Amino acid sequence: MPDDPKSGPQNPTRREFLATGGTTAAATFIAAYVPAHASETSGDSAISAVDGPNIESAVPISLRINGKDHQLRIDPRTTLLDCLRENVALTGTKKGCDHGQCGACTVHVNGRRVKSCLSFALMHDGEEITTIEGLGTPDALHPMQAAFVVHDGYQCGYCTSGQIMSAVALLKEPCGPSDADVKESMSGNICRCGAYANIVTAIQQVRKNA
């Protein structure tokens, strides 16, 4: 009797091969950013705050956010955006497209603007992060925040924190003097309400007074 074809090895389909390969590549990429001390820690480690999921794969991470140190345990697959919102409860940074296209999740990492949905939190272990909450307060607005209020640089407000974070970073970046230059530098931030003219006016006011 011939062998049962179901009992022998099966050739994977193209879809199965790609799925397996993609998973392996993602795991390898994440592993490259896991701190070396992660495998040495245990549930009784000296981590001062356990804000991540209670799973075996959780790893320790240290982030300095808005001038405060946060010692966390997180799933290594956690994006910086989700870490800020879910682990540190800083919800001013918004999740828009979650694909790096809208800019609503923009924060500063070591003074440079970064779309936080596109990078793993582990990639920023030990780095300085600033969110919209660390830029100013209701009683002491950052000049850019105040300019957005004066010039109505927002409508629904969902994209506003990302717009402001990008605009503040722009102040330290090479950018020509014209409105067109500002629009080009802010092109990574989308406002679905269409408040672009007022946003540019607000930015130009701060640049003029800087």
N, C-alpha and C. Protein backbone atom coordinates (compact mmCIF):
# COMPACT_ATOMS: atom_id res chain seq x y z
N MET A 1 0.87 -1.21 0.00
CA MET A 1 0.00 0.00 0.00
C MET A 1 0.89 1.24 0.00
N PRO A 2 0.61 2.22 -0.84
CA PRO A 2 1.45 3.43 -0.86
C PRO A 2 1.32 4.21 0.44
N ASP A 3 2.37 4.96 0.73
CA ASP A 3 2.36 5.76 1.96
C ASP A 3 1.27 6.80 1.91
N ASP A 4 0.71 7.09 3.05
CA ASP A 4 -0.32 8.13 3.17
C ASP A 4 0.34 9.48 2.91
N PRO A 5 -0.07 10.22 1.89
CA PRO A 5 0.59 11.50 1.59
C PRO A 5 0.50 12.49 2.74
N LYS A 6 -0.51 12.31 3.61
CA LYS A 6 -0.65 13.24 4.72
C LYS A 6 0.37 13.00 5.82
N SER A 7 0.99 11.82 5.80
CA SER A 7 1.92 11.48 6.87
C SER A 7 3.32 12.00 6.60
N GLY A 8 3.64 12.34 5.37
CA GLY A 8 4.98 12.80 5.03
C GLY A 8 5.11 14.30 5.17
N PRO A 9 6.33 14.83 5.00
CA PRO A 9 6.55 16.28 5.08
C PRO A 9 5.82 16.99 3.96
N GLN A 10 5.27 18.15 4.26
CA GLN A 10 4.50 18.92 3.29
C GLN A 10 5.32 20.13 2.86
N ASN A 11 5.25 20.46 1.58
CA ASN A 11 5.89 21.67 1.10
C ASN A 11 5.05 22.87 1.52
N PRO A 12 5.66 23.87 2.17
CA PRO A 12 4.86 25.03 2.60
C PRO A 12 4.39 25.84 1.41
N THR A 13 3.22 26.44 1.57
CA THR A 13 2.72 27.33 0.53
C THR A 13 3.51 28.63 0.61
N ARG A 14 3.39 29.45 -0.43
CA ARG A 14 4.10 30.73 -0.44
C ARG A 14 3.66 31.61 0.72
N ARG A 15 2.35 31.60 1.01
CA ARG A 15 1.84 32.42 2.11
C ARG A 15 2.40 31.96 3.45
N GLU A 16 2.45 30.62 3.65
CA GLU A 16 2.99 30.09 4.90
C GLU A 16 4.46 30.43 5.05
N PHE A 17 5.19 30.33 3.95
CA PHE A 17 6.62 30.63 3.99
C PHE A 17 6.87 32.09 4.36
N LEU A 18 6.10 33.02 3.73
CA LEU A 18 6.27 34.44 4.01
C LEU A 18 5.88 34.78 5.44
N ALA A 19 4.81 34.14 5.92
CA ALA A 19 4.37 34.41 7.29
C ALA A 19 5.43 33.97 8.29
N THR A 20 6.01 32.77 8.07
CA THR A 20 7.03 32.25 8.97
C THR A 20 8.28 33.12 8.91
N GLY A 21 8.67 33.49 7.69
CA GLY A 21 9.85 34.33 7.54
C GLY A 21 9.69 35.68 8.17
N GLY A 22 8.50 36.28 8.03
CA GLY A 22 8.25 37.59 8.61
C GLY A 22 8.30 37.57 10.12
N THR A 23 7.74 36.52 10.71
CA THR A 23 7.76 36.39 12.17
C THR A 23 9.18 36.26 12.68
N THR A 24 9.98 35.45 12.00
CA THR A 24 11.37 35.25 12.40
C THR A 24 12.16 36.55 12.31
N ALA A 25 11.95 37.30 11.22
CA ALA A 25 12.67 38.57 11.05
C ALA A 25 12.30 39.56 12.14
N ALA A 26 11.01 39.65 12.47
CA ALA A 26 10.56 40.58 13.52
C ALA A 26 11.16 40.21 14.87
N ALA A 27 11.18 38.90 15.16
CA ALA A 27 11.75 38.44 16.43
C ALA A 27 13.23 38.78 16.52
N THR A 28 13.95 38.61 15.42
CA THR A 28 15.38 38.92 15.40
C THR A 28 15.62 40.40 15.61
N PHE A 29 14.79 41.26 14.96
CA PHE A 29 14.93 42.70 15.09
C PHE A 29 14.70 43.16 16.53
N ILE A 30 13.64 42.64 17.15
CA ILE A 30 13.32 43.02 18.53
C ILE A 30 14.43 42.58 19.47
N ALA A 31 14.94 41.35 19.26
CA ALA A 31 15.97 40.81 20.14
C ALA A 31 17.21 41.69 20.15
N ALA A 32 17.49 42.35 19.05
CA ALA A 32 18.68 43.19 18.95
C ALA A 32 18.60 44.38 19.90
N TYR A 33 17.39 44.78 20.30
CA TYR A 33 17.23 45.93 21.17
C TYR A 33 16.90 45.58 22.61
N VAL A 34 16.78 44.28 22.93
CA VAL A 34 16.52 43.89 24.31
C VAL A 34 17.77 44.15 25.12
N PRO A 35 17.70 44.90 26.22
CA PRO A 35 18.89 45.19 27.01
C PRO A 35 19.58 43.92 27.44
N ALA A 36 20.92 43.99 27.50
CA ALA A 36 21.69 42.81 27.85
C ALA A 36 21.35 42.29 29.23
N HIS A 37 20.92 43.18 30.15
CA HIS A 37 20.63 42.76 31.51
C HIS A 37 19.24 42.16 31.65
N ALA A 38 18.47 42.14 30.57
CA ALA A 38 17.09 41.67 30.68
C ALA A 38 17.03 40.22 31.13
N SER A 39 17.94 39.38 30.61
CA SER A 39 17.90 37.97 30.95
C SER A 39 18.38 37.70 32.36
N GLU A 40 18.99 38.72 32.99
CA GLU A 40 19.52 38.53 34.34
C GLU A 40 18.52 38.94 35.41
N THR A 41 17.42 39.56 35.01
CA THR A 41 16.46 40.05 35.99
C THR A 41 15.39 39.02 36.25
N SER A 42 14.73 39.15 37.37
CA SER A 42 13.66 38.24 37.74
C SER A 42 12.52 39.04 38.31
N GLY A 43 11.51 38.35 38.81
CA GLY A 43 10.37 39.04 39.39
C GLY A 43 10.74 39.82 40.63
N ASP A 44 11.89 39.51 41.24
CA ASP A 44 12.32 40.19 42.45
C ASP A 44 13.41 41.22 42.16
N SER A 45 13.51 41.65 40.91
CA SER A 45 14.55 42.59 40.54
C SER A 45 14.27 43.95 41.13
N ALA A 46 15.24 44.86 40.97
CA ALA A 46 15.15 46.18 41.59
C ALA A 46 14.41 47.18 40.73
N ILE A 47 13.59 46.70 39.81
CA ILE A 47 12.80 47.61 39.00
C ILE A 47 11.83 48.35 39.92
N SER A 48 11.83 49.69 39.85
CA SER A 48 11.05 50.47 40.80
C SER A 48 9.59 50.58 40.43
N ALA A 49 9.26 50.30 39.18
CA ALA A 49 7.86 50.37 38.76
C ALA A 49 7.59 49.28 37.75
N VAL A 50 6.54 48.53 38.00
CA VAL A 50 6.16 47.47 37.06
C VAL A 50 4.89 47.92 36.37
N ASP A 51 5.06 48.52 35.20
CA ASP A 51 3.93 49.10 34.49
C ASP A 51 3.58 48.35 33.23
N GLY A 52 4.30 47.29 32.93
CA GLY A 52 4.04 46.53 31.72
C GLY A 52 3.26 45.27 32.02
N PRO A 53 3.01 44.46 31.01
CA PRO A 53 2.27 43.22 31.21
C PRO A 53 3.05 42.23 32.05
N ASN A 54 2.36 41.48 32.86
CA ASN A 54 3.01 40.49 33.73
C ASN A 54 3.19 39.20 32.95
N ILE A 55 4.14 39.20 32.04
CA ILE A 55 4.41 38.04 31.22
C ILE A 55 5.89 37.74 31.26
N GLU A 56 6.22 36.51 30.93
CA GLU A 56 7.62 36.08 31.01
C GLU A 56 8.52 36.88 30.08
N SER A 57 7.99 37.34 28.97
CA SER A 57 8.82 38.04 27.99
C SER A 57 9.04 39.51 28.33
N ALA A 58 8.39 40.04 29.38
CA ALA A 58 8.56 41.44 29.75
C ALA A 58 10.01 41.71 30.11
N VAL A 59 10.51 42.85 29.67
CA VAL A 59 11.91 43.22 29.91
C VAL A 59 11.96 44.60 30.56
N PRO A 60 13.02 44.86 31.33
CA PRO A 60 13.15 46.16 31.97
C PRO A 60 13.63 47.22 30.99
N ILE A 61 13.16 48.43 31.20
CA ILE A 61 13.57 49.56 30.37
C ILE A 61 13.54 50.82 31.22
N SER A 62 14.47 51.72 30.95
CA SER A 62 14.54 53.00 31.66
C SER A 62 14.34 54.13 30.66
N LEU A 63 13.32 54.93 30.89
CA LEU A 63 13.04 56.08 30.03
C LEU A 63 12.97 57.34 30.88
N ARG A 64 13.60 58.40 30.40
CA ARG A 64 13.47 59.69 31.07
C ARG A 64 12.48 60.51 30.27
N ILE A 65 11.29 60.68 30.82
CA ILE A 65 10.19 61.32 30.11
C ILE A 65 9.81 62.61 30.81
N ASN A 66 9.89 63.70 30.08
CA ASN A 66 9.54 65.02 30.63
C ASN A 66 10.27 65.31 31.93
N GLY A 67 11.54 64.92 31.97
CA GLY A 67 12.39 65.21 33.11
C GLY A 67 12.27 64.24 34.27
N LYS A 68 11.46 63.19 34.12
CA LYS A 68 11.29 62.21 35.19
C LYS A 68 11.72 60.83 34.70
N ASP A 69 12.40 60.10 35.57
CA ASP A 69 12.85 58.76 35.22
C ASP A 69 11.73 57.74 35.46
N HIS A 70 11.57 56.85 34.51
CA HIS A 70 10.57 55.80 34.61
C HIS A 70 11.25 54.45 34.40
N GLN A 71 11.19 53.61 35.43
CA GLN A 71 11.71 52.25 35.33
C GLN A 71 10.53 51.33 35.06
N LEU A 72 10.51 50.69 33.92
CA LEU A 72 9.35 49.94 33.48
C LEU A 72 9.72 48.51 33.12
N ARG A 73 8.70 47.66 33.08
CA ARG A 73 8.83 46.33 32.48
C ARG A 73 7.77 46.25 31.38
N ILE A 74 8.20 46.01 30.16
CA ILE A 74 7.28 46.05 29.04
C ILE A 74 7.48 44.85 28.12
N ASP A 75 6.45 44.57 27.37
CA ASP A 75 6.57 43.60 26.28
C ASP A 75 7.54 44.19 25.25
N PRO A 76 8.54 43.44 24.80
CA PRO A 76 9.52 44.01 23.87
C PRO A 76 8.93 44.46 22.55
N ARG A 77 7.69 44.07 22.25
CA ARG A 77 7.05 44.50 21.01
C ARG A 77 6.32 45.83 21.16
N THR A 78 6.34 46.42 22.34
CA THR A 78 5.60 47.65 22.60
C THR A 78 6.23 48.84 21.87
N THR A 79 5.41 49.57 21.15
CA THR A 79 5.92 50.78 20.50
C THR A 79 6.09 51.89 21.54
N LEU A 80 6.89 52.87 21.19
CA LEU A 80 7.07 54.01 22.09
C LEU A 80 5.73 54.70 22.33
N LEU A 81 4.91 54.79 21.29
CA LEU A 81 3.59 55.40 21.43
C LEU A 81 2.74 54.67 22.46
N ASP A 82 2.63 53.36 22.34
CA ASP A 82 1.81 52.60 23.28
C ASP A 82 2.40 52.62 24.68
N CYS A 83 3.72 52.64 24.77
CA CYS A 83 4.36 52.73 26.09
C CYS A 83 3.98 54.03 26.78
N LEU A 84 4.04 55.13 26.04
CA LEU A 84 3.70 56.43 26.63
C LEU A 84 2.24 56.49 27.05
N ARG A 85 1.36 55.99 26.21
CA ARG A 85 -0.07 56.09 26.48
C ARG A 85 -0.54 55.07 27.52
N GLU A 86 -0.10 53.83 27.40
CA GLU A 86 -0.65 52.75 28.21
C GLU A 86 0.17 52.43 29.46
N ASN A 87 1.49 52.61 29.38
CA ASN A 87 2.33 52.27 30.52
C ASN A 87 2.63 53.47 31.41
N VAL A 88 2.71 54.65 30.81
CA VAL A 88 3.04 55.85 31.59
C VAL A 88 1.83 56.79 31.71
N ALA A 89 0.73 56.47 31.03
CA ALA A 89 -0.52 57.23 31.11
C ALA A 89 -0.37 58.67 30.65
N LEU A 90 0.49 58.90 29.66
CA LEU A 90 0.61 60.21 29.03
C LEU A 90 -0.15 60.15 27.71
N THR A 91 -1.41 60.51 27.75
CA THR A 91 -2.29 60.31 26.61
C THR A 91 -2.38 61.53 25.70
N GLY A 92 -1.58 62.56 25.96
CA GLY A 92 -1.57 63.72 25.06
C GLY A 92 -1.01 63.37 23.70
N THR A 93 -0.12 62.38 23.64
CA THR A 93 0.40 61.89 22.37
C THR A 93 -0.66 60.98 21.76
N LYS A 94 -1.13 61.32 20.58
CA LYS A 94 -2.29 60.64 20.00
C LYS A 94 -1.90 59.53 19.03
N LYS A 95 -2.74 58.52 18.99
CA LYS A 95 -2.60 57.46 17.99
C LYS A 95 -3.59 57.75 16.87
N GLY A 96 -3.05 58.11 15.72
CA GLY A 96 -3.89 58.41 14.57
C GLY A 96 -3.93 57.23 13.62
N CYS A 97 -3.01 57.25 12.66
CA CYS A 97 -2.99 56.17 11.66
C CYS A 97 -2.26 54.94 12.15
N ASP A 98 -1.33 55.10 13.11
CA ASP A 98 -0.49 54.02 13.62
C ASP A 98 0.42 53.44 12.54
N HIS A 99 0.65 54.21 11.48
CA HIS A 99 1.51 53.78 10.38
C HIS A 99 2.54 54.85 10.01
N GLY A 100 2.70 55.86 10.84
CA GLY A 100 3.70 56.89 10.57
C GLY A 100 3.32 57.86 9.48
N GLN A 101 2.06 57.95 9.15
CA GLN A 101 1.64 58.80 8.04
C GLN A 101 1.02 60.13 8.46
N CYS A 102 0.44 60.19 9.67
CA CYS A 102 -0.32 61.39 10.03
C CYS A 102 0.43 62.34 10.96
N GLY A 103 1.39 61.84 11.73
CA GLY A 103 2.18 62.69 12.60
C GLY A 103 1.55 63.02 13.94
N ALA A 104 0.36 62.48 14.23
CA ALA A 104 -0.31 62.80 15.49
C ALA A 104 0.48 62.31 16.70
N CYS A 105 1.34 61.32 16.49
CA CYS A 105 2.08 60.71 17.61
C CYS A 105 3.46 61.31 17.81
N THR A 106 3.74 62.46 17.19
CA THR A 106 5.09 63.03 17.23
C THR A 106 5.51 63.42 18.65
N VAL A 107 6.70 62.98 19.03
CA VAL A 107 7.32 63.37 20.30
C VAL A 107 8.76 63.76 20.01
N HIS A 108 9.47 64.22 21.02
CA HIS A 108 10.90 64.52 20.87
C HIS A 108 11.71 63.44 21.58
N VAL A 109 12.72 62.94 20.91
CA VAL A 109 13.67 62.00 21.51
C VAL A 109 15.05 62.63 21.38
N ASN A 110 15.65 62.92 22.54
CA ASN A 110 16.94 63.62 22.56
C ASN A 110 16.88 64.91 21.73
N GLY A 111 15.72 65.59 21.80
CA GLY A 111 15.57 66.88 21.15
C GLY A 111 15.13 66.84 19.70
N ARG A 112 15.03 65.65 19.13
CA ARG A 112 14.63 65.54 17.72
C ARG A 112 13.24 64.93 17.63
N ARG A 113 12.45 65.38 16.64
CA ARG A 113 11.09 64.86 16.52
C ARG A 113 11.11 63.44 15.95
N VAL A 114 10.24 62.64 16.53
CA VAL A 114 10.14 61.23 16.16
C VAL A 114 8.67 60.85 16.14
N LYS A 115 8.28 60.06 15.15
CA LYS A 115 6.92 59.51 15.14
C LYS A 115 6.94 58.25 16.00
N SER A 116 6.32 58.36 17.16
CA SER A 116 6.48 57.33 18.17
C SER A 116 5.79 56.01 17.84
N CYS A 117 4.90 56.00 16.84
CA CYS A 117 4.26 54.74 16.47
C CYS A 117 5.18 53.86 15.64
N LEU A 118 6.28 54.42 15.15
CA LEU A 118 7.16 53.69 14.24
C LEU A 118 8.37 53.07 14.91
N SER A 119 8.55 53.25 16.20
CA SER A 119 9.73 52.69 16.86
C SER A 119 9.34 51.97 18.14
N PHE A 120 10.09 50.93 18.44
CA PHE A 120 9.86 50.19 19.68
C PHE A 120 10.40 51.00 20.86
N ALA A 121 9.72 50.92 21.98
CA ALA A 121 10.18 51.64 23.18
C ALA A 121 11.59 51.21 23.56
N LEU A 122 11.91 49.94 23.35
CA LEU A 122 13.24 49.44 23.72
C LEU A 122 14.35 50.13 22.96
N MET A 123 14.05 50.66 21.79
CA MET A 123 15.06 51.36 21.01
C MET A 123 15.49 52.66 21.68
N HIS A 124 14.70 53.12 22.66
CA HIS A 124 14.98 54.41 23.30
C HIS A 124 15.34 54.25 24.77
N ASP A 125 15.77 53.07 25.14
CA ASP A 125 16.19 52.80 26.52
C ASP A 125 17.27 53.81 26.94
N GLY A 126 17.01 54.54 28.02
CA GLY A 126 17.98 55.50 28.54
C GLY A 126 17.96 56.86 27.87
N GLU A 127 17.07 57.07 26.90
CA GLU A 127 17.06 58.33 26.17
C GLU A 127 16.08 59.33 26.79
N GLU A 128 16.25 60.59 26.40
CA GLU A 128 15.42 61.69 26.90
C GLU A 128 14.24 61.90 25.97
N ILE A 129 13.04 61.78 26.51
CA ILE A 129 11.82 61.89 25.71
C ILE A 129 10.98 63.05 26.24
N THR A 130 10.46 63.84 25.32
CA THR A 130 9.56 64.93 25.69
C THR A 130 8.25 64.76 24.95
N THR A 131 7.15 64.82 25.68
CA THR A 131 5.82 64.75 25.09
C THR A 131 5.15 66.11 25.25
N ILE A 132 3.96 66.23 24.72
CA ILE A 132 3.24 67.51 24.81
C ILE A 132 3.02 67.91 26.27
N GLU A 133 2.90 66.92 27.16
CA GLU A 133 2.69 67.24 28.58
C GLU A 133 3.91 67.91 29.20
N GLY A 134 5.09 67.67 28.60
CA GLY A 134 6.32 68.24 29.15
C GLY A 134 6.73 69.53 28.49
N LEU A 135 5.93 70.00 27.55
CA LEU A 135 6.29 71.21 26.81
C LEU A 135 5.89 72.48 27.54
N GLY A 136 4.74 72.46 28.17
CA GLY A 136 4.25 73.61 28.90
C GLY A 136 3.09 73.20 29.79
N THR A 137 2.59 74.13 30.57
CA THR A 137 1.46 73.86 31.45
C THR A 137 0.36 74.87 31.14
N PRO A 138 -0.87 74.63 31.60
CA PRO A 138 -1.94 75.60 31.35
C PRO A 138 -1.62 77.00 31.87
N ASP A 139 -0.81 77.06 32.94
CA ASP A 139 -0.45 78.36 33.51
C ASP A 139 0.82 78.93 32.89
N ALA A 140 1.56 78.12 32.19
CA ALA A 140 2.82 78.58 31.57
C ALA A 140 3.00 77.87 30.24
N LEU A 141 2.23 78.31 29.25
CA LEU A 141 2.27 77.68 27.94
C LEU A 141 3.61 77.92 27.25
N HIS A 142 4.04 76.93 26.48
CA HIS A 142 5.18 77.15 25.60
C HIS A 142 4.74 78.19 24.57
N PRO A 143 5.65 79.04 24.08
CA PRO A 143 5.26 80.05 23.08
C PRO A 143 4.53 79.46 21.88
N MET A 144 4.89 78.25 21.48
CA MET A 144 4.20 77.65 20.34
C MET A 144 2.77 77.27 20.70
N GLN A 145 2.57 76.77 21.90
CA GLN A 145 1.21 76.45 22.35
C GLN A 145 0.37 77.72 22.40
N ALA A 146 0.94 78.79 22.93
CA ALA A 146 0.21 80.05 23.03
C ALA A 146 -0.14 80.59 21.65
N ALA A 147 0.78 80.44 20.70
CA ALA A 147 0.52 80.93 19.34
C ALA A 147 -0.59 80.13 18.66
N PHE A 148 -0.63 78.83 18.91
CA PHE A 148 -1.70 78.01 18.35
C PHE A 148 -3.05 78.45 18.89
N VAL A 149 -3.09 78.85 20.16
CA VAL A 149 -4.35 79.32 20.75
C VAL A 149 -4.75 80.65 20.12
N VAL A 150 -3.81 81.57 20.03
CA VAL A 150 -4.11 82.90 19.50
C VAL A 150 -4.58 82.84 18.05
N HIS A 151 -3.96 81.96 17.26
CA HIS A 151 -4.26 81.93 15.83
C HIS A 151 -5.18 80.78 15.43
N ASP A 152 -5.82 80.16 16.40
CA ASP A 152 -6.75 79.06 16.11
C ASP A 152 -6.11 77.99 15.22
N GLY A 153 -4.96 77.52 15.66
CA GLY A 153 -4.24 76.52 14.88
C GLY A 153 -4.76 75.11 15.09
N TYR A 154 -6.01 74.98 15.34
CA TYR A 154 -6.61 73.66 15.58
C TYR A 154 -8.11 73.76 15.39
N GLN A 155 -8.74 72.63 15.15
CA GLN A 155 -10.20 72.57 15.12
C GLN A 155 -10.66 71.43 16.04
N CYS A 156 -10.63 70.19 15.55
CA CYS A 156 -11.02 69.09 16.44
C CYS A 156 -9.97 68.86 17.52
N GLY A 157 -8.71 69.23 17.23
CA GLY A 157 -7.65 69.14 18.23
C GLY A 157 -6.91 67.82 18.27
N TYR A 158 -7.35 66.83 17.51
CA TYR A 158 -6.72 65.51 17.63
C TYR A 158 -5.26 65.52 17.16
N CYS A 159 -4.99 66.27 16.11
CA CYS A 159 -3.63 66.29 15.58
C CYS A 159 -2.76 67.35 16.26
N THR A 160 -3.36 68.16 17.12
CA THR A 160 -2.68 69.37 17.60
C THR A 160 -1.40 69.09 18.37
N SER A 161 -1.41 68.10 19.24
CA SER A 161 -0.19 67.83 20.02
C SER A 161 0.96 67.46 19.10
N GLY A 162 0.69 66.64 18.09
CA GLY A 162 1.73 66.28 17.14
C GLY A 162 2.18 67.47 16.31
N GLN A 163 1.24 68.33 15.91
CA GLN A 163 1.57 69.53 15.16
C GLN A 163 2.50 70.44 15.98
N ILE A 164 2.15 70.62 17.24
CA ILE A 164 2.95 71.50 18.10
C ILE A 164 4.34 70.92 18.34
N MET A 165 4.42 69.62 18.58
CA MET A 165 5.73 69.01 18.82
C MET A 165 6.62 69.13 17.59
N SER A 166 6.05 68.95 16.40
CA SER A 166 6.82 69.12 15.17
C SER A 166 7.22 70.58 14.98
N ALA A 167 6.30 71.49 15.29
CA ALA A 167 6.58 72.91 15.12
C ALA A 167 7.70 73.37 16.05
N VAL A 168 7.72 72.88 17.26
CA VAL A 168 8.79 73.24 18.21
C VAL A 168 10.13 72.70 17.73
N ALA A 169 10.12 71.48 17.21
CA ALA A 169 11.36 70.91 16.68
C ALA A 169 11.85 71.70 15.48
N LEU A 170 10.91 72.17 14.67
CA LEU A 170 11.26 72.95 13.48
C LEU A 170 12.07 74.19 13.83
N LEU A 171 11.83 74.76 15.02
CA LEU A 171 12.54 75.97 15.42
C LEU A 171 14.05 75.76 15.49
N LYS A 172 14.47 74.51 15.68
CA LYS A 172 15.91 74.20 15.80
C LYS A 172 16.46 73.54 14.54
N GLU A 173 15.63 73.42 13.53
CA GLU A 173 16.04 72.75 12.30
C GLU A 173 16.28 73.76 11.19
N PRO A 174 17.07 73.39 10.17
CA PRO A 174 17.23 74.28 9.01
C PRO A 174 15.89 74.43 8.29
N CYS A 175 15.42 75.63 8.19
CA CYS A 175 14.14 75.89 7.52
C CYS A 175 14.17 77.30 6.96
N GLY A 176 13.81 77.45 5.70
CA GLY A 176 13.80 78.77 5.08
C GLY A 176 12.75 79.67 5.70
N PRO A 177 12.77 80.94 5.33
CA PRO A 177 11.90 81.93 5.99
C PRO A 177 10.46 81.97 5.49
N SER A 178 10.18 81.39 4.35
CA SER A 178 8.86 81.56 3.74
C SER A 178 7.83 80.59 4.30
N ASP A 179 6.56 80.91 4.06
CA ASP A 179 5.48 80.01 4.45
C ASP A 179 5.62 78.66 3.75
N ALA A 180 6.05 78.70 2.51
CA ALA A 180 6.23 77.46 1.76
C ALA A 180 7.28 76.57 2.41
N ASP A 181 8.33 77.19 2.96
CA ASP A 181 9.37 76.42 3.66
C ASP A 181 8.79 75.75 4.90
N VAL A 182 7.96 76.47 5.62
CA VAL A 182 7.35 75.91 6.83
C VAL A 182 6.42 74.76 6.45
N LYS A 183 5.64 74.95 5.41
CA LYS A 183 4.72 73.89 4.96
C LYS A 183 5.50 72.62 4.61
N GLU A 184 6.63 72.79 3.95
CA GLU A 184 7.45 71.64 3.58
C GLU A 184 7.97 70.93 4.83
N SER A 185 8.44 71.70 5.80
CA SER A 185 8.98 71.11 7.03
C SER A 185 7.90 70.45 7.88
N MET A 186 6.65 70.89 7.73
CA MET A 186 5.55 70.34 8.50
C MET A 186 4.73 69.33 7.70
N SER A 187 5.23 68.91 6.55
CA SER A 187 4.45 68.06 5.65
C SER A 187 4.17 66.67 6.23
N GLY A 188 4.92 66.28 7.23
CA GLY A 188 4.67 64.97 7.86
C GLY A 188 3.54 64.98 8.85
N ASN A 189 2.93 66.12 9.07
CA ASN A 189 1.81 66.23 10.01
C ASN A 189 0.54 66.61 9.26
N ILE A 190 -0.46 65.76 9.35
CA ILE A 190 -1.72 65.96 8.63
C ILE A 190 -2.78 66.52 9.56
N CYS A 191 -3.50 67.53 9.08
CA CYS A 191 -4.66 68.06 9.79
C CYS A 191 -5.88 67.79 8.93
N ARG A 192 -6.70 66.84 9.33
CA ARG A 192 -7.86 66.50 8.52
C ARG A 192 -8.92 67.59 8.53
N CYS A 193 -8.85 68.50 9.51
CA CYS A 193 -9.79 69.61 9.54
C CYS A 193 -9.36 70.73 8.59
N GLY A 194 -8.10 70.72 8.17
CA GLY A 194 -7.63 71.72 7.22
C GLY A 194 -7.25 73.05 7.83
N ALA A 195 -6.67 73.03 9.05
CA ALA A 195 -6.29 74.29 9.70
C ALA A 195 -4.87 74.72 9.33
N TYR A 196 -4.40 74.32 8.17
CA TYR A 196 -3.00 74.54 7.81
C TYR A 196 -2.61 76.02 7.79
N ALA A 197 -3.44 76.88 7.26
CA ALA A 197 -3.08 78.30 7.17
C ALA A 197 -2.84 78.88 8.55
N ASN A 198 -3.69 78.55 9.50
CA ASN A 198 -3.53 79.08 10.86
C ASN A 198 -2.33 78.46 11.56
N ILE A 199 -2.05 77.20 11.26
CA ILE A 199 -0.88 76.54 11.85
C ILE A 199 0.40 77.24 11.37
N VAL A 200 0.48 77.52 10.09
CA VAL A 200 1.65 78.20 9.54
C VAL A 200 1.79 79.59 10.15
N THR A 201 0.68 80.30 10.29
CA THR A 201 0.72 81.64 10.88
C THR A 201 1.25 81.58 12.31
N ALA A 202 0.80 80.60 13.08
CA ALA A 202 1.26 80.45 14.46
C ALA A 202 2.77 80.18 14.51
N ILE A 203 3.22 79.29 13.65
CA ILE A 203 4.65 78.95 13.63
C ILE A 203 5.49 80.17 13.23
N GLN A 204 5.03 80.88 12.23
CA GLN A 204 5.78 82.04 11.77
C GLN A 204 5.85 83.14 12.84
N GLN A 205 4.80 83.26 13.64
CA GLN A 205 4.83 84.25 14.72
C GLN A 205 5.93 83.90 15.72
N VAL A 206 5.99 82.63 16.09
CA VAL A 206 7.01 82.23 17.08
C VAL A 206 8.40 82.37 16.49
N ARG A 207 8.57 82.04 15.22
CA ARG A 207 9.90 82.19 14.59
C ARG A 207 10.30 83.66 14.56
N LYS A 208 9.34 84.53 14.31
CA LYS A 208 9.62 85.96 14.23
C LYS A 208 10.05 86.50 15.59
N ASN A 209 9.43 85.98 16.66
CA ASN A 209 9.71 86.49 18.01
C ASN A 209 10.86 85.77 18.70
N ALA A 210 11.37 84.72 18.06
CA ALA A 210 12.44 83.93 18.71
C ALA A 210 13.74 84.74 18.78
